[in-house]
Amino acid sequence: MAYSAGPLHLDPHWPRAGDWPAPSGHAVDVALLGIPTYSTSLSATHANETPAAVRAALRYYSEFTDRPLGLAFADYGDAVDPDGDESAATALVARAVAASRLAVMLGGDNAATVPAALGAWGDRVASAGLVTLDAHHDLRDGRSNGSPVRRLTEAGLAGTRVVQVGIADFANSADYAARAADLGITVVRRGALLTRPIADVMNEALEVAASAGGPVHVDIDVDVCDRSVAPACPASVPGGIAAHELRAAARAAGAHRSVESIDLVEVDAAADAPDGRTVRLVALCVLEAAAGLSAR
């Protein structure tokens, strides 16, 4: 069963996040939508249940940091069968991006990154950039949650404007590391994050991705996190980044002028810990991205 927030106390002086309205035709600051991919996953997953679980978890939180976010939100719902009809998912993303300053997509497994990025970029792929937070290169052959970066480069994305942050030891292979090098991808390994604030790393990565002046998509694969904080990620490993680092990275992404779209993927809500810690972390990353946008 997917994680649910359950009944919550209502306080008119403590308005909750989430329960955002459907689009009304007016421009908004943040568009939320689900891309519940799962059927081509390399690991058994119920990641298609995660968008609904994150929406429920958002209600645990408010839209207040040291001040109200002051943003307009709209919820575009979920793409229908994005594994079988990727083009429809891409079109839904395109509509959300056109109507907002920032679109935040909830996966689904990492296959969601293909329609998320292509829908956001449209005909601007030649100047686009990509930053991934991920333990893995995602350069596999075929079509799965292990192939989105390869598929995007084949669609026209320049490897020199791809930065992969958090690549983990013992979670990749020599062949795919060589493929990343051949494509000109910038790789920031997990060990490099032990001595530097992740916000600084993200800002540098985003500048590389934005170097051609085009739109930047940020793919946040939550399995970049330590398994203790992301037990619902099938491929998370002990020794990944901390929850506060993922949140800081999401805020840095939302704050960058060139970022138009972000996805949060690879969480199987049905496999979460009883306290829903992974799903709650994703919900907080949605709000962190919004907080970043509010500071632009």
Protein backbone atom coordinates (compact mmCIF):
# COMPACT_ATOMS: atom_id res chain seq x y z
CA MET A 1 0.00 0.00 0.00
CA ALA A 2 1.27 3.47 -0.85
CA TYR A 3 2.18 5.76 2.02
CA SER A 4 -0.58 8.14 3.11
CA ALA A 5 -0.44 11.19 5.34
CA GLY A 6 -3.71 10.27 7.06
CA PRO A 7 -5.95 12.67 9.00
CA LEU A 8 -4.18 15.86 10.03
CA HIS A 9 -5.08 18.58 12.50
CA LEU A 10 -6.53 21.67 10.86
CA ASP A 11 -5.40 25.07 12.12
CA PRO A 12 -6.37 28.26 10.25
CA HIS A 13 -3.15 29.86 11.51
CA TRP A 14 -0.99 27.02 10.08
CA PRO A 15 -2.00 26.53 6.42
CA ARG A 16 -0.68 23.35 4.89
CA ALA A 17 1.13 22.82 1.62
CA GLY A 18 -0.34 20.75 -1.16
CA ASP A 19 -3.92 20.34 -2.34
CA TRP A 20 -2.98 22.77 -5.10
CA PRO A 21 -5.64 23.64 -7.67
CA ALA A 22 -5.86 22.33 -11.19
CA PRO A 23 -4.60 24.72 -13.88
CA SER A 24 -7.04 27.51 -14.67
CA GLY A 25 -5.45 28.90 -17.81
CA HIS A 26 -3.51 31.56 -15.95
CA ALA A 27 0.28 31.52 -15.57
CA VAL A 28 1.58 30.17 -12.26
CA ASP A 29 4.93 30.04 -10.54
CA VAL A 30 5.12 26.29 -9.90
CA ALA A 31 3.44 23.50 -11.86
CA LEU A 32 3.35 20.05 -10.26
CA LEU A 33 2.68 16.90 -12.28
CA GLY A 34 3.21 13.18 -12.03
CA ILE A 35 4.97 10.90 -14.53
CA PRO A 36 4.35 7.47 -12.97
CA THR A 37 6.74 5.34 -15.01
CA TYR A 38 7.60 1.89 -13.66
CA SER A 39 7.10 -0.93 -16.15
CA THR A 40 10.59 -0.86 -17.72
CA SER A 41 12.42 -0.64 -14.38
CA LEU A 42 15.49 -2.83 -13.91
CA SER A 43 14.28 -3.50 -10.35
CA ALA A 44 10.76 -4.52 -9.38
CA THR A 45 8.98 -1.35 -8.30
CA HIS A 46 5.64 0.26 -7.56
CA ALA A 47 7.05 3.71 -8.33
CA ASN A 48 3.81 4.49 -10.15
CA GLU A 49 2.23 4.89 -6.70
CA THR A 50 4.65 7.61 -5.65
CA PRO A 51 3.09 10.79 -7.12
CA ALA A 52 -0.08 10.28 -5.09
CA ALA A 53 1.93 9.49 -1.97
CA VAL A 54 4.02 12.65 -2.32
CA ARG A 55 0.91 14.77 -2.76
CA ALA A 56 -0.43 13.33 0.49
CA ALA A 57 2.88 13.92 2.28
CA LEU A 58 3.01 17.57 1.21
CA ARG A 59 0.23 18.23 3.68
CA TYR A 60 2.61 17.55 6.56
CA TYR A 61 4.38 20.80 5.69
CA SER A 62 3.68 24.49 5.16
CA GLU A 63 4.72 26.98 2.49
CA PHE A 64 6.76 28.97 5.02
CA THR A 65 10.53 29.18 5.58
CA ASP A 66 11.55 32.39 7.34
CA ARG A 67 8.78 34.00 5.30
CA PRO A 68 5.86 32.81 3.15
CA LEU A 69 6.86 31.53 -0.28
CA GLY A 70 4.26 33.76 -1.91
CA LEU A 71 3.98 31.56 -5.01
CA ALA A 72 1.07 30.42 -7.13
CA PHE A 73 0.89 26.63 -7.65
CA ALA A 74 -1.10 24.42 -10.00
CA ASP A 75 -1.35 20.63 -10.11
CA TYR A 76 -1.52 19.21 -13.63
CA GLY A 77 -2.32 15.69 -12.46
CA ASP A 78 -0.56 12.61 -13.78
CA ALA A 79 0.40 11.48 -17.25
CA VAL A 80 -1.62 8.44 -18.26
CA ASP A 81 0.50 5.37 -19.07
CA PRO A 82 3.78 7.26 -19.62
CA ASP A 83 5.61 3.98 -20.26
CA GLY A 84 3.27 3.11 -23.11
CA ASP A 85 2.58 6.64 -24.38
CA GLU A 86 5.71 8.66 -23.75
CA SER A 87 4.70 11.31 -26.28
CA ALA A 88 1.55 12.16 -24.31
CA ALA A 89 3.61 12.55 -21.15
CA THR A 90 6.01 14.81 -23.04
CA ALA A 91 3.11 16.93 -24.23
CA LEU A 92 1.74 17.27 -20.69
CA VAL A 93 5.14 18.47 -19.48
CA ALA A 94 5.33 20.96 -22.34
CA ARG A 95 1.98 22.46 -21.33
CA ALA A 96 3.03 22.73 -17.69
CA VAL A 97 6.38 24.32 -18.55
CA ALA A 98 4.75 26.84 -20.89
CA ALA A 99 2.37 27.95 -18.13
CA SER A 100 4.84 28.18 -15.23
CA ARG A 101 8.20 29.49 -14.12
CA LEU A 102 9.18 26.06 -12.80
CA ALA A 103 7.69 22.62 -13.44
CA VAL A 104 8.30 19.89 -10.86
CA MET A 105 7.67 16.34 -12.01
CA LEU A 106 7.07 13.43 -9.64
CA GLY A 107 8.16 9.99 -10.81
CA GLY A 108 7.92 7.17 -11.32
CA ASP A 109 11.25 5.58 -11.96
CA ASN A 110 14.08 7.31 -13.81
CA ALA A 111 12.48 6.58 -17.18
CA ALA A 112 10.34 9.63 -16.36
CA THR A 113 13.34 11.87 -17.02
CA VAL A 114 13.06 11.43 -20.79
CA PRO A 115 9.55 12.91 -21.24
CA ALA A 116 10.28 15.37 -18.41
CA ALA A 117 13.34 16.82 -20.12
CA LEU A 118 12.15 16.60 -23.71
CA GLY A 119 8.81 18.14 -22.81
CA ALA A 120 10.55 21.00 -21.04
CA TRP A 121 13.08 21.64 -23.79
CA GLY A 122 10.88 21.24 -26.87
CA ASP A 123 12.81 22.45 -29.90
CA ARG A 124 15.58 23.90 -27.69
CA VAL A 125 17.37 20.60 -27.07
CA ALA A 126 20.47 21.72 -29.01
CA SER A 127 21.16 24.42 -26.40
CA ALA A 128 19.75 22.58 -23.37
CA GLY A 129 21.62 21.30 -20.33
CA LEU A 130 21.11 18.54 -17.79
CA VAL A 131 22.23 18.10 -14.20
CA THR A 132 21.61 14.76 -12.54
CA LEU A 133 21.87 13.92 -8.85
CA ASP A 134 22.27 10.19 -9.08
CA ALA A 135 24.37 7.29 -7.86
CA HIS A 136 24.36 5.93 -11.43
CA HIS A 137 25.32 7.09 -14.93
CA ASP A 138 22.02 5.97 -16.53
CA LEU A 139 23.76 5.35 -19.85
CA ARG A 140 22.63 1.75 -20.37
CA ASP A 141 21.52 0.39 -23.73
CA GLY A 142 17.85 -0.17 -24.40
CA ARG A 143 14.92 1.60 -22.80
CA SER A 144 14.60 1.44 -19.02
CA ASN A 145 15.14 3.49 -15.90
CA GLY A 146 18.85 2.89 -16.50
CA SER A 147 18.97 4.60 -19.91
CA PRO A 148 17.55 8.17 -19.73
CA VAL A 149 20.84 10.06 -20.04
CA ARG A 150 21.89 7.98 -23.04
CA ARG A 151 18.50 8.50 -24.67
CA LEU A 152 18.64 12.26 -24.13
CA THR A 153 22.09 12.53 -25.71
CA GLU A 154 20.79 10.54 -28.67
CA ALA A 155 17.93 13.05 -28.92
CA GLY A 156 20.45 15.87 -29.38
CA LEU A 157 21.59 16.87 -25.87
CA ALA A 158 25.32 17.70 -25.87
CA GLY A 159 27.22 15.54 -23.40
CA THR A 160 29.43 18.52 -22.62
CA ARG A 161 26.40 20.17 -20.99
CA VAL A 162 25.59 17.18 -18.78
CA VAL A 163 26.86 17.12 -15.20
CA GLN A 164 26.32 14.08 -13.00
CA VAL A 165 26.59 14.71 -9.26
CA GLY A 166 26.89 11.94 -6.68
CA ILE A 167 28.06 9.04 -8.85
CA ALA A 168 28.78 6.22 -6.41
CA ASP A 169 31.58 3.69 -6.13
CA PHE A 170 30.59 0.05 -6.72
CA ALA A 171 27.32 1.13 -8.38
CA ASN A 172 28.49 1.50 -11.99
CA SER A 173 30.79 -0.19 -14.49
CA ALA A 174 33.94 0.55 -16.45
CA ASP A 175 32.02 0.44 -19.74
CA TYR A 176 29.47 3.07 -18.67
CA ALA A 177 32.11 5.25 -17.05
CA ALA A 178 33.97 5.17 -20.36
CA ARG A 179 30.76 6.03 -22.20
CA ALA A 180 30.30 9.08 -19.94
CA ALA A 181 33.88 10.17 -20.65
CA ASP A 182 33.45 9.67 -24.41
CA LEU A 183 30.34 11.88 -24.35
CA GLY A 184 32.16 14.63 -22.49
CA ILE A 185 29.97 14.36 -19.40
CA THR A 186 31.26 16.05 -16.26
CA VAL A 187 31.19 13.58 -13.36
CA VAL A 188 31.27 14.63 -9.71
CA ARG A 189 31.75 11.50 -7.66
CA ARG A 190 30.22 10.94 -4.24
CA GLY A 191 33.60 11.28 -2.52
CA ALA A 192 34.05 14.81 -3.85
CA LEU A 193 30.94 15.89 -1.97
CA LEU A 194 32.45 15.00 1.39
CA THR A 195 34.59 18.13 1.49
CA ARG A 196 32.40 20.70 -0.28
CA PRO A 197 28.92 22.14 0.34
CA ILE A 198 26.58 20.55 -2.15
CA ALA A 199 25.00 23.92 -2.96
CA ASP A 200 28.38 25.11 -4.26
CA VAL A 201 28.76 21.97 -6.37
CA MET A 202 25.26 22.40 -7.75
CA ASN A 203 25.84 26.02 -8.69
CA GLU A 204 28.97 25.08 -10.63
CA ALA A 205 27.16 22.18 -12.30
CA LEU A 206 24.23 24.38 -13.29
CA GLU A 207 26.56 26.93 -14.88
CA VAL A 208 28.11 24.19 -17.03
CA ALA A 209 24.66 22.93 -18.03
CA ALA A 210 23.52 26.48 -18.87
CA SER A 211 26.66 27.40 -20.83
CA ALA A 212 24.88 27.52 -24.21
CA GLY A 213 22.12 29.76 -22.89
CA GLY A 214 19.40 27.15 -23.13
CA PRO A 215 17.00 25.65 -20.59
CA VAL A 216 18.31 23.34 -17.88
CA HIS A 217 16.53 20.27 -16.55
CA VAL A 218 17.53 18.84 -13.16
CA ASP A 219 17.02 15.12 -12.60
CA ILE A 220 16.95 14.30 -8.88
CA ASP A 221 17.23 10.54 -8.53
CA VAL A 222 16.66 10.06 -4.82
CA ASP A 223 18.84 6.93 -4.79
CA VAL A 224 21.79 9.34 -4.60
CA CYS A 225 20.90 9.45 -0.88
CA ASP A 226 22.14 7.20 1.87
CA ARG A 227 19.94 4.14 2.19
CA SER A 228 19.03 5.07 5.76
CA VAL A 229 17.14 8.15 4.53
CA ALA A 230 15.92 6.66 1.25
CA PRO A 231 14.89 3.05 1.94
CA ALA A 232 12.17 3.30 -0.72
CA CYS A 233 14.79 3.63 -3.48
CA PRO A 234 15.60 0.14 -4.79
CA ALA A 235 19.17 1.10 -5.74
CA SER A 236 20.14 3.47 -2.90
CA VAL A 237 23.40 2.48 -1.20
CA PRO A 238 24.86 2.96 2.27
CA GLY A 239 27.12 6.01 2.16
CA GLY A 240 25.04 8.18 -0.15
CA ILE A 241 24.33 11.84 0.52
CA ALA A 242 22.32 13.05 3.51
CA ALA A 243 18.73 14.26 3.44
CA HIS A 244 19.80 17.83 4.16
CA GLU A 245 22.17 17.70 1.18
CA LEU A 246 19.41 16.57 -1.17
CA ARG A 247 17.19 19.35 0.11
CA ALA A 248 19.96 21.92 -0.39
CA ALA A 249 20.52 20.65 -3.93
CA ALA A 250 16.81 20.96 -4.73
CA ARG A 251 16.77 24.53 -3.43
CA ALA A 252 19.87 25.42 -5.46
CA ALA A 253 18.19 24.00 -8.57
CA GLY A 254 15.04 26.01 -8.00
CA ALA A 255 17.05 29.19 -7.49
CA HIS A 256 19.03 29.00 -10.73
CA ARG A 257 17.87 31.30 -13.50
CA SER A 258 18.13 28.67 -16.26
CA VAL A 259 16.28 25.83 -14.53
CA GLU A 260 12.78 25.45 -15.93
CA SER A 261 12.09 21.88 -14.85
CA ILE A 262 13.01 19.37 -12.15
CA ASP A 263 12.10 15.73 -11.70
CA LEU A 264 12.15 13.65 -8.50
CA VAL A 265 12.37 9.95 -9.31
CA GLU A 266 13.23 6.38 -8.29
CA VAL A 267 11.10 6.23 -5.15
CA ASP A 268 8.82 3.23 -4.62
CA ALA A 269 6.27 4.53 -2.11
CA ALA A 270 5.04 1.00 -1.47
CA ALA A 271 8.50 0.00 -0.20
CA ASP A 272 9.04 2.95 2.14
CA ALA A 273 9.76 2.71 5.86
CA PRO A 274 6.69 2.79 8.11
CA ASP A 275 7.36 6.46 8.90
CA GLY A 276 7.30 7.35 5.18
CA ARG A 277 10.72 8.99 5.37
CA THR A 278 11.57 8.73 1.68
CA VAL A 279 8.25 10.08 0.46
CA ARG A 280 8.42 12.88 3.02
CA LEU A 281 11.90 13.77 1.77
CA VAL A 282 10.58 14.04 -1.80
CA ALA A 283 7.74 16.28 -0.61
CA LEU A 284 10.25 18.53 1.12
CA CYS A 285 12.34 18.67 -2.06
CA VAL A 286 9.29 19.96 -3.94
CA LEU A 287 9.02 22.74 -1.38
CA GLU A 288 12.77 23.38 -1.39
CA ALA A 289 12.69 23.84 -5.17
CA ALA A 290 9.80 26.27 -4.74
CA ALA A 291 11.74 28.13 -2.04
CA GLY A 292 14.66 28.43 -4.44
CA LEU A 293 12.35 29.85 -7.09
CA SER A 294 10.96 32.39 -4.65
CA ALA A 295 14.51 33.67 -4.07
CA ARG A 296 15.36 34.24 -7.75
